[in-house]
Amino acid sequence: MNIPIAIIGAGLGGLTLARVLHVHGIPATIFEAEASPDARPQGGLLDIHDYNGQLALRDAGLHAKFLAIILPGAEAQRVLDSRGNVLLDQPDKGNGGRPEVHRGDLRRVLLDSLPADTIRWGHKLETLSARGGGKHQLIFANGRTVTTDLLIGADGAWSRVRPLLSGARPAYVGTSFIETYLFDSDNRYKASAEAVGGCTLMALAPGKGILAHREAEGALHAYVALNKPEAWVAGIDFSDPQAALARIAAEFDGWATVLTDLITQSETAPVPRPIHALPIGHRWDRVPGVTLIGDAAHLMSPFAGEGANLAMFDGAELAKAIAANPEDREAALTAYEAAMFARSAAIAAESARNLELFFDENAPQGVVDLFNAYRPAA
């Protein structure tokens, strides 16, 4: 079977790409390894920016539906030191510039916007190969084989499509997150809930930090950050949640209890998330019939808050380029990649700078200074 446009991955980038193509009357098929839309939890909050992510949603004709899932007041953020002292407390600006939504809610808006036959669930890509003339053959773990005229890798950090274009692989950046949750915090963990405040908490010190979001129904979703070798994190036995939490909490000895409770009181098993990134300025030479979007193209640390936004923007820009040049798809891919390389390189560099700033010897003051620099003049 030949598929004119095959998208690998049903994340936010792949879904946006398929949706904007659909708006322009261009069919595409998404192949997704997971068995169903609800195969796993979809993560926490995302701030969607008015200069890229929201523009993609406008191109998709979904901006009004996006506005309906925004969490009111959730742009609020505060910076604390390890003793729990508030160094910066910024309320929600109320201008809609970077509103917060649940990733799962946003994904559902995109899923519901596509024709029912767009996504082939349970299709894990096993092997792929060029077949000449820009065509590629795809073989899936379920035994299905298809060919495609245009292959788009929207398959994230460990993309199976990327090796067709580049030998680059993500490298560990030196920082790991450990993910925890507290639920019904306003009733059960009042002190920690008050410390987190309206939405985003950043409690920082050199080499470590506790980052947390207030989510729906008083859930506190924390990312405990440690600058440690990857082998150190891998050496923790996460099959024993209480022992793992105790080992992680020991790194925060002397911190305020309202902060360390976000570790020790976790109601879910801790989940390690080592942070990886592709080289800043990652790019490739044009290969007929294949390209990448999102983390597959430019994986970076989360410290610019741009991963989901860039993925959606990539998807929308690629779809528009294809729609604008139906007679010369290679020219469309060349134009898309040139613009994508430039914007992603600049943001990847910003992300790397911010990662260093968050946990350097001046933490948390450097982050306070950064946010104050963006504060409008009185």
Foldseek 3Di string as FASTA:
>chain_A
DEFAEEEEALALLSLLLQLLLVVLVHHYAYEYQAQDLPSDDDDFKAFAAPVFQLVSCVSSVRNVVVVVQFDPFQVWEWEAELQLDTPDTGTPPPPSGTTMGTSSSSSVSSVVSDPPRRYDYNFAWDDKDDDPPLKMWTATPVGDIYIYNAYEYAPAQQTPQLVVWDPWHWDFPQKKWKKFKDALCVPPVVLLLVSCPDFWYWHFAAFWTKIWTQDPRRMIIIITMGRHPPVVLVPQDLVPQQSSLVVSLVVSPPGHPSRSCRRNVGPDRIDMGGAIWTDQLDDGDDDRRYYYFANSGTRAGCQLSCRSRRSSRLSNQLSVLCSVCVPCNSVSVVVSRVVSSVVSNVVRVVRSVRVCQRNHNPPPVSVVVVVVVVDDDD
